[in-house]
Structure formats: structure tokens, C-alpha cells
Amino acid sequence: MKKLEYWFKKNLMINIGKTAYKSDTKFLGVHITENRKWTTHIHTLRLQLSKVCYIIKSVQEFMGLGTIRSFYHSKF
């Protein structure tokens, strides 16, 4: 266990100058912020949903319901 701790400490010390601070990150598709608010995640989902709705409205007369449903589920 001591060797593992030593290895992690050494790597953290080496990479400390290269890593930039970020107040949020994306993990498993969820945007996590340092203040634990959902604002960033909701904003991102809203933009994605808006784009998908526009695409669906644009192609709904050319594609079947099953294809449109598959497209929707592939995005969400």
C-alpha cells in the first residue's frame, strides 16, 4: 500500500503544474459543478433538446415515426 501512495503522490506532484483549475466537469454525461448546482447541466440539456426538436420538425414529413423515435432516443 505504501508504494501505491508514494506513486500517486509523485504523479500528483509532477502533474500539478500542468493541470488547470476547472469549476465544473462532465462525468458520465452529468455536469458537476463545485457549488453542486444543476444550472450548467440543465443549460446543456436544453440546448441539445432544442437542436433535436428542430431537426425532428425539419424531417418529420420525410421520415417515419419509428426512425424519428430512434433518433430522439439516440440523443437522450
PDB file of N, CA and C in Angstrom:
ATOM      1  N   MET A   1       0.823  -1.199   0.000  1.00  0.00           N
ATOM      2  CA  MET A   1       0.000   0.000   0.000  1.00  0.00           C
ATOM      3  C   MET A   1       0.861   1.254   0.000  1.00  0.00           C
ATOM      4  N   LYS A   2       1.972   1.211   0.666  1.00  0.00           N
ATOM      5  CA  LYS A   2       2.857   2.369   0.749  1.00  0.00           C
ATOM      6  C   LYS A   2       3.401   2.734  -0.631  1.00  0.00           C
ATOM      7  N   LYS A   3       3.709   1.737  -1.444  1.00  0.00           N
ATOM      8  CA  LYS A   3       4.242   2.005  -2.782  1.00  0.00           C
ATOM      9  C   LYS A   3       3.204   2.718  -3.646  1.00  0.00           C
ATOM     10  N   LEU A   4       1.964   2.299  -3.509  1.00  0.00           N
ATOM     11  CA  LEU A   4       0.884   2.922  -4.271  1.00  0.00           C
ATOM     12  C   LEU A   4       0.680   4.381  -3.857  1.00  0.00           C
ATOM     13  N   GLU A   5       0.687   4.637  -2.566  1.00  0.00           N
ATOM     14  CA  GLU A   5       0.565   6.017  -2.077  1.00  0.00           C
ATOM     15  C   GLU A   5       1.720   6.872  -2.581  1.00  0.00           C
ATOM     16  N   TYR A   6       2.926   6.330  -2.522  1.00  0.00           N
ATOM     17  CA  TYR A   6       4.116   7.043  -2.995  1.00  0.00           C
ATOM     18  C   TYR A   6       3.983   7.371  -4.482  1.00  0.00           C
ATOM     19  N   TRP A   7       3.524   6.392  -5.275  1.00  0.00           N
ATOM     20  CA  TRP A   7       3.378   6.587  -6.719  1.00  0.00           C
ATOM     21  C   TRP A   7       2.374   7.693  -7.022  1.00  0.00           C
ATOM     22  N   PHE A   8       1.234   7.671  -6.339  1.00  0.00           N
ATOM     23  CA  PHE A   8       0.219   8.704  -6.563  1.00  0.00           C
ATOM     24  C   PHE A   8       0.732  10.084  -6.175  1.00  0.00           C
ATOM     25  N   LYS A   9       1.409  10.174  -5.034  1.00  0.00           N
ATOM     26  CA  LYS A   9       1.945  11.465  -4.603  1.00  0.00           C
ATOM     27  C   LYS A   9       2.964  11.991  -5.594  1.00  0.00           C
ATOM     28  N   LYS A  10       3.825  11.126  -6.098  1.00  0.00           N
ATOM     29  CA  LYS A  10       4.835  11.541  -7.073  1.00  0.00           C
ATOM     30  C   LYS A  10       4.170  12.051  -8.348  1.00  0.00           C
ATOM     31  N   ASN A  11       3.166  11.323  -8.853  1.00  0.00           N
ATOM     32  CA  ASN A  11       2.479  11.724 -10.085  1.00  0.00           C
ATOM     33  C   ASN A  11       1.712  13.013  -9.895  1.00  0.00           C
ATOM     34  N   LEU A  12       1.099  13.199  -8.743  1.00  0.00           N
ATOM     35  CA  LEU A  12       0.380  14.441  -8.493  1.00  0.00           C
ATOM     36  C   LEU A  12       1.338  15.610  -8.435  1.00  0.00           C
ATOM     37  N   MET A  13       2.492  15.416  -7.857  1.00  0.00           N
ATOM     38  CA  MET A  13       3.484  16.487  -7.767  1.00  0.00           C
ATOM     39  C   MET A  13       4.043  16.824  -9.146  1.00  0.00           C
ATOM     40  N   ILE A  14       4.217  15.828  -9.986  1.00  0.00           N
ATOM     41  CA  ILE A  14       4.745  16.061 -11.335  1.00  0.00           C
ATOM     42  C   ILE A  14       3.733  16.818 -12.174  1.00  0.00           C
ATOM     43  N   ASN A  15       2.462  16.426 -12.109  1.00  0.00           N
ATOM     44  CA  ASN A  15       1.433  16.990 -12.971  1.00  0.00           C
ATOM     45  C   ASN A  15       0.753  18.225 -12.399  1.00  0.00           C
ATOM     46  N   ILE A  16       1.155  18.654 -11.225  1.00  0.00           N
ATOM     47  CA  ILE A  16       0.448  19.762 -10.588  1.00  0.00           C
ATOM     48  C   ILE A  16       0.565  21.057 -11.382  1.00  0.00           C
ATOM     49  N   GLY A  17       1.660  21.276 -12.053  1.00  0.00           N
ATOM     50  CA  GLY A  17       1.834  22.496 -12.830  1.00  0.00           C
ATOM     51  C   GLY A  17       1.098  22.468 -14.162  1.00  0.00           C
ATOM     52  N   LYS A  18       0.773  21.296 -14.656  1.00  0.00           N
ATOM     53  CA  LYS A  18       0.133  21.145 -15.958  1.00  0.00           C
ATOM     54  C   LYS A  18      -1.394  21.162 -15.887  1.00  0.00           C
ATOM     55  N   THR A  19      -1.954  20.968 -14.702  1.00  0.00           N
ATOM     56  CA  THR A  19      -3.395  20.849 -14.558  1.00  0.00           C
ATOM     57  C   THR A  19      -4.018  22.208 -14.253  1.00  0.00           C
ATOM     58  N   ALA A  20      -4.973  22.600 -15.064  1.00  0.00           N
ATOM     59  CA  ALA A  20      -5.672  23.868 -14.856  1.00  0.00           C
ATOM     60  C   ALA A  20      -6.911  23.623 -13.983  1.00  0.00           C
ATOM     61  N   TYR A  21      -7.217  24.589 -13.162  1.00  0.00           N
ATOM     62  CA  TYR A  21      -8.392  24.504 -12.301  1.00  0.00           C
ATOM     63  C   TYR A  21      -9.659  24.699 -13.122  1.00  0.00           C
ATOM     64  N   LYS A  22     -10.653  23.864 -12.881  1.00  0.00           N
ATOM     65  CA  LYS A  22     -11.957  23.994 -13.512  1.00  0.00           C
ATOM     66  C   LYS A  22     -13.018  23.912 -12.427  1.00  0.00           C
ATOM     67  N   SER A  23     -14.014  24.761 -12.531  1.00  0.00           N
ATOM     68  CA  SER A  23     -15.072  24.757 -11.519  1.00  0.00           C
ATOM     69  C   SER A  23     -16.160  23.731 -11.823  1.00  0.00           C
ATOM     70  N   ASP A  24     -16.103  23.124 -13.023  1.00  0.00           N
ATOM     71  CA  ASP A  24     -17.077  22.091 -13.339  1.00  0.00           C
ATOM     72  C   ASP A  24     -16.432  21.034 -14.218  1.00  0.00           C
ATOM     73  N   THR A  25     -17.060  19.864 -14.250  1.00  0.00           N
ATOM     74  CA  THR A  25     -16.584  18.772 -15.075  1.00  0.00           C
ATOM     75  C   THR A  25     -17.771  17.931 -15.523  1.00  0.00           C
ATOM     76  N   LYS A  26     -17.574  17.157 -16.554  1.00  0.00           N
ATOM     77  CA  LYS A  26     -18.627  16.269 -17.045  1.00  0.00           C
ATOM     78  C   LYS A  26     -18.225  14.842 -16.697  1.00  0.00           C
ATOM     79  N   PHE A  27     -19.080  14.156 -15.959  1.00  0.00           N
ATOM     80  CA  PHE A  27     -18.811  12.791 -15.527  1.00  0.00           C
ATOM     81  C   PHE A  27     -20.029  11.936 -15.823  1.00  0.00           C
ATOM     82  N   LEU A  28     -19.861  10.940 -16.665  1.00  0.00           N
ATOM     83  CA  LEU A  28     -20.951  10.046 -17.074  1.00  0.00           C
ATOM     84  C   LEU A  28     -22.150  10.807 -17.630  1.00  0.00           C
ATOM     85  N   GLY A  29     -21.869  11.873 -18.365  1.00  0.00           N
ATOM     86  CA  GLY A  29     -22.920  12.645 -19.002  1.00  0.00           C
ATOM     87  C   GLY A  29     -23.588  13.682 -18.127  1.00  0.00           C
ATOM     88  N   VAL A  30     -23.154  13.790 -16.874  1.00  0.00           N
ATOM     89  CA  VAL A  30     -23.740  14.754 -15.943  1.00  0.00           C
ATOM     90  C   VAL A  30     -22.704  15.831 -15.656  1.00  0.00           C
ATOM     91  N   HIS A  31     -23.097  17.084 -15.807  1.00  0.00           N
ATOM     92  CA  HIS A  31     -22.212  18.199 -15.500  1.00  0.00           C
ATOM     93  C   HIS A  31     -22.240  18.459 -13.995  1.00  0.00           C
ATOM     94  N   ILE A  32     -21.079  18.331 -13.376  1.00  0.00           N
ATOM     95  CA  ILE A  32     -20.956  18.519 -11.932  1.00  0.00           C
ATOM     96  C   ILE A  32     -20.173  19.800 -11.689  1.00  0.00           C
ATOM     97  N   THR A  33     -20.727  20.694 -10.883  1.00  0.00           N
ATOM     98  CA  THR A  33     -20.051  21.950 -10.575  1.00  0.00           C
ATOM     99  C   THR A  33     -19.603  21.946  -9.122  1.00  0.00           C
ATOM    100  N   GLU A  34     -18.667  22.835  -8.816  1.00  0.00           N
ATOM    101  CA  GLU A  34     -18.138  22.880  -7.456  1.00  0.00           C
ATOM    102  C   GLU A  34     -19.191  23.327  -6.431  1.00  0.00           C
ATOM    103  N   ASN A  35     -20.186  24.083  -6.866  1.00  0.00           N
ATOM    104  CA  ASN A  35     -21.224  24.525  -5.930  1.00  0.00           C
ATOM    105  C   ASN A  35     -22.457  23.613  -5.945  1.00  0.00           C
ATOM    106  N   ARG A  36     -22.363  22.483  -6.666  1.00  0.00           N
ATOM    107  CA  ARG A  36     -23.398  21.451  -6.732  1.00  0.00           C
ATOM    108  C   ARG A  36     -24.752  21.976  -7.221  1.00  0.00           C
ATOM    109  N   LYS A  37     -24.718  22.897  -8.162  1.00  0.00           N
ATOM    110  CA  LYS A  37     -25.943  23.411  -8.780  1.00  0.00           C
ATOM    111  C   LYS A  37     -26.145  22.689 -10.111  1.00  0.00           C
ATOM    112  N   TRP A  38     -27.379  22.626 -10.557  1.00  0.00           N
ATOM    113  CA  TRP A  38     -27.726  21.937 -11.796  1.00  0.00           C
ATOM    114  C   TRP A  38     -27.747  22.885 -13.005  1.00  0.00           C
ATOM    115  N   THR A  39     -27.408  24.136 -12.818  1.00  0.00           N
ATOM    116  CA  THR A  39     -27.553  25.145 -13.866  1.00  0.00           C
ATOM    117  C   THR A  39     -26.823  24.763 -15.148  1.00  0.00           C
ATOM    118  N   THR A  40     -25.556  24.382 -15.056  1.00  0.00           N
ATOM    119  CA  THR A  40     -24.772  24.020 -16.240  1.00  0.00           C
ATOM    120  C   THR A  40     -25.357  22.805 -16.935  1.00  0.00           C
ATOM    121  N   HIS A  41     -25.731  21.793 -16.167  1.00  0.00           N
ATOM    122  CA  HIS A  41     -26.286  20.571 -16.736  1.00  0.00           C
ATOM    123  C   HIS A  41     -27.609  20.848 -17.446  1.00  0.00           C
ATOM    124  N   ILE A  42     -28.482  21.608 -16.814  1.00  0.00           N
ATOM    125  CA  ILE A  42     -29.787  21.929 -17.407  1.00  0.00           C
ATOM    126  C   ILE A  42     -29.611  22.773 -18.669  1.00  0.00           C
ATOM    127  N   HIS A  43     -28.704  23.726 -18.633  1.00  0.00           N
ATOM    128  CA  HIS A  43     -28.447  24.568 -19.800  1.00  0.00           C
ATOM    129  C   HIS A  43     -27.972  23.714 -20.984  1.00  0.00           C
ATOM    130  N   THR A  44     -27.072  22.787 -20.732  1.00  0.00           N
ATOM    131  CA  THR A  44     -26.558  21.913 -21.785  1.00  0.00           C
ATOM    132  C   THR A  44     -27.672  21.029 -22.347  1.00  0.00           C
ATOM    133  N   LEU A  45     -28.472  20.439 -21.475  1.00  0.00           N
ATOM    134  CA  LEU A  45     -29.581  19.604 -21.935  1.00  0.00           C
ATOM    135  C   LEU A  45     -30.602  20.406 -22.738  1.00  0.00           C
ATOM    136  N   ARG A  46     -30.873  21.635 -22.294  1.00  0.00           N
ATOM    137  CA  ARG A  46     -31.825  22.482 -23.002  1.00  0.00           C
ATOM    138  C   ARG A  46     -31.354  22.785 -24.414  1.00  0.00           C
ATOM    139  N   LEU A  47     -30.062  23.069 -24.570  1.00  0.00           N
ATOM    140  CA  LEU A  47     -29.523  23.325 -25.910  1.00  0.00           C
ATOM    141  C   LEU A  47     -29.612  22.082 -26.794  1.00  0.00           C
ATOM    142  N   GLN A  48     -29.275  20.925 -26.236  1.00  0.00           N
ATOM    143  CA  GLN A  48     -29.352  19.682 -27.003  1.00  0.00           C
ATOM    144  C   GLN A  48     -30.780  19.367 -27.413  1.00  0.00           C
ATOM    145  N   LEU A  49     -31.707  19.526 -26.489  1.00  0.00           N
ATOM    146  CA  LEU A  49     -33.113  19.249 -26.779  1.00  0.00           C
ATOM    147  C   LEU A  49     -33.648  20.203 -27.837  1.00  0.00           C
ATOM    148  N   SER A  50     -33.259  21.454 -27.775  1.00  0.00           N
ATOM    149  CA  SER A  50     -33.681  22.435 -28.764  1.00  0.00           C
ATOM    150  C   SER A  50     -33.211  22.043 -30.164  1.00  0.00           C
ATOM    151  N   LYS A  51     -31.967  21.607 -30.272  1.00  0.00           N
ATOM    152  CA  LYS A  51     -31.422  21.183 -31.567  1.00  0.00           C
ATOM    153  C   LYS A  51     -32.146  19.951 -32.104  1.00  0.00           C
ATOM    154  N   VAL A  52     -32.392  18.991 -31.215  1.00  0.00           N
ATOM    155  CA  VAL A  52     -33.074  17.763 -31.638  1.00  0.00           C
ATOM    156  C   VAL A  52     -34.502  18.058 -32.066  1.00  0.00           C
ATOM    157  N   CYS A  53     -35.203  18.913 -31.339  1.00  0.00           N
ATOM    158  CA  CYS A  53     -36.575  19.281 -31.719  1.00  0.00           C
ATOM    159  C   CYS A  53     -36.607  19.955 -33.081  1.00  0.00           C
ATOM    160  N   TYR A  54     -35.640  20.821 -33.340  1.00  0.00           N
ATOM    161  CA  TYR A  54     -35.564  21.488 -34.641  1.00  0.00           C
ATOM    162  C   TYR A  54     -35.351  20.467 -35.756  1.00  0.00           C
ATOM    163  N   ILE A  55     -34.443  19.537 -35.540  1.00  0.00           N
ATOM    164  CA  ILE A  55     -34.162  18.518 -36.555  1.00  0.00           C
ATOM    165  C   ILE A  55     -35.393  17.656 -36.787  1.00  0.00           C
ATOM    166  N   ILE A  56     -36.065  17.249 -35.721  1.00  0.00           N
ATOM    167  CA  ILE A  56     -37.260  16.415 -35.857  1.00  0.00           C
ATOM    168  C   ILE A  56     -38.355  17.149 -36.618  1.00  0.00           C
ATOM    169  N   LYS A  57     -38.564  18.423 -36.306  1.00  0.00           N
ATOM    170  CA  LYS A  57     -39.576  19.194 -37.045  1.00  0.00           C
ATOM    171  C   LYS A  57     -39.207  19.318 -38.522  1.00  0.00           C
ATOM    172  N   SER A  58     -37.907  19.434 -38.801  1.00  0.00           N
ATOM    173  CA  SER A  58     -37.467  19.607 -40.188  1.00  0.00           C
ATOM    174  C   SER A  58     -37.644  18.346 -41.021  1.00  0.00           C
ATOM    175  N   VAL A  59     -37.512  17.179 -40.415  1.00  0.00           N
ATOM    176  CA  VAL A  59     -37.520  15.943 -41.192  1.00  0.00           C
ATOM    177  C   VAL A  59     -38.761  15.083 -40.962  1.00  0.00           C
ATOM    178  N   GLN A  60     -39.709  15.523 -40.167  1.00  0.00           N
ATOM    179  CA  GLN A  60     -40.827  14.658 -39.808  1.00  0.00           C
ATOM    180  C   GLN A  60     -41.683  14.241 -41.000  1.00  0.00           C
ATOM    181  N   GLU A  61     -41.743  15.062 -42.038  1.00  0.00           N
ATOM    182  CA  GLU A  61     -42.558  14.673 -43.199  1.00  0.00           C
ATOM    183  C   GLU A  61     -41.834  13.689 -44.117  1.00  0.00           C
ATOM    184  N   PHE A  62     -40.521  13.552 -43.942  1.00  0.00           N
ATOM    185  CA  PHE A  62     -39.739  12.654 -44.800  1.00  0.00           C
ATOM    186  C   PHE A  62     -39.424  11.324 -44.124  1.00  0.00           C
ATOM    187  N   MET A  63     -39.520  11.263 -42.797  1.00  0.00           N
ATOM    188  CA  MET A  63     -39.137  10.064 -42.064  1.00  0.00           C
ATOM    189  C   MET A  63     -40.327   9.504 -41.303  1.00  0.00           C
ATOM    190  N   GLY A  64     -40.279   8.223 -41.064  1.00  0.00           N
ATOM    191  CA  GLY A  64     -41.333   7.576 -40.308  1.00  0.00           C
ATOM    192  C   GLY A  64     -41.186   7.814 -38.813  1.00  0.00           C
ATOM    193  N   LEU A  65     -42.264   7.524 -38.094  1.00  0.00           N
ATOM    194  CA  LEU A  65     -42.274   7.732 -36.656  1.00  0.00           C
ATOM    195  C   LEU A  65     -41.210   6.892 -35.942  1.00  0.00           C
ATOM    196  N   GLY A  66     -41.013   5.669 -36.403  1.00  0.00           N
ATOM    197  CA  GLY A  66     -40.011   4.792 -35.782  1.00  0.00           C
ATOM    198  C   GLY A  66     -38.606   5.339 -35.922  1.00  0.00           C
ATOM    199  N   THR A  67     -38.283   5.874 -37.095  1.00  0.00           N
ATOM    200  CA  THR A  67     -36.963   6.457 -37.330  1.00  0.00           C
ATOM    201  C   THR A  67     -36.760   7.703 -36.478  1.00  0.00           C
ATOM    202  N   ILE A  68     -37.779   8.532 -36.402  1.00  0.00           N
ATOM    203  CA  ILE A  68     -37.690   9.750 -35.586  1.00  0.00           C
ATOM    204  C   ILE A  68     -37.534   9.382 -34.114  1.00  0.00           C
ATOM    205  N   ARG A  69     -38.281   8.391 -33.667  1.00  0.00           N
ATOM    206  CA  ARG A  69     -38.177   7.951 -32.275  1.00  0.00           C
ATOM    207  C   ARG A  69     -36.776   7.405 -31.981  1.00  0.00           C
ATOM    208  N   SER A  70     -36.218   6.638 -32.907  1.00  0.00           N
ATOM    209  CA  SER A  70     -34.865   6.118 -32.735  1.00  0.00           C
ATOM    210  C   SER A  70     -33.841   7.244 -32.651  1.00  0.00           C
ATOM    211  N   PHE A  71     -34.013   8.248 -33.503  1.00  0.00           N
ATOM    212  CA  PHE A  71     -33.108   9.409 -33.481  1.00  0.00           C
ATOM    213  C   PHE A  71     -33.200  10.116 -32.134  1.00  0.00           C
ATOM    214  N   TYR A  72     -34.404  10.339 -31.655  1.00  0.00           N
ATOM    215  CA  TYR A  72     -34.611  11.009 -30.374  1.00  0.00           C
ATOM    216  C   TYR A  72     -33.938  10.229 -29.243  1.00  0.00           C
ATOM    217  N   HIS A  73     -34.167   8.914 -29.221  1.00  0.00           N
ATOM    218  CA  HIS A  73     -33.599   8.086 -28.146  1.00  0.00           C
ATOM    219  C   HIS A  73     -32.078   7.975 -28.255  1.00  0.00           C
ATOM    220  N   SER A  74     -31.544   8.135 -29.446  1.00  0.00           N
ATOM    221  CA  SER A  74     -30.080   8.090 -29.575  1.00  0.00           C
ATOM    222  C   SER A  74     -29.450   9.356 -28.980  1.00  0.00           C
ATOM    223  N   LYS A  75     -30.211  10.437 -28.924  1.00  0.00           N
ATOM    224  CA  LYS A  75     -29.691  11.681 -28.370  1.00  0.00           C
ATOM    225  C   LYS A  75     -29.975  11.827 -26.881  1.00  0.00           C
ATOM    226  N   PHE A  76     -31.042  11.189 -26.395  1.00  0.00           N
ATOM    227  CA  PHE A  76     -31.404  11.341 -24.978  1.00  0.00           C
ATOM    228  C   PHE A  76     -31.582  10.023 -24.316  1.00  0.00           C
TER     229      PHE A  76
END
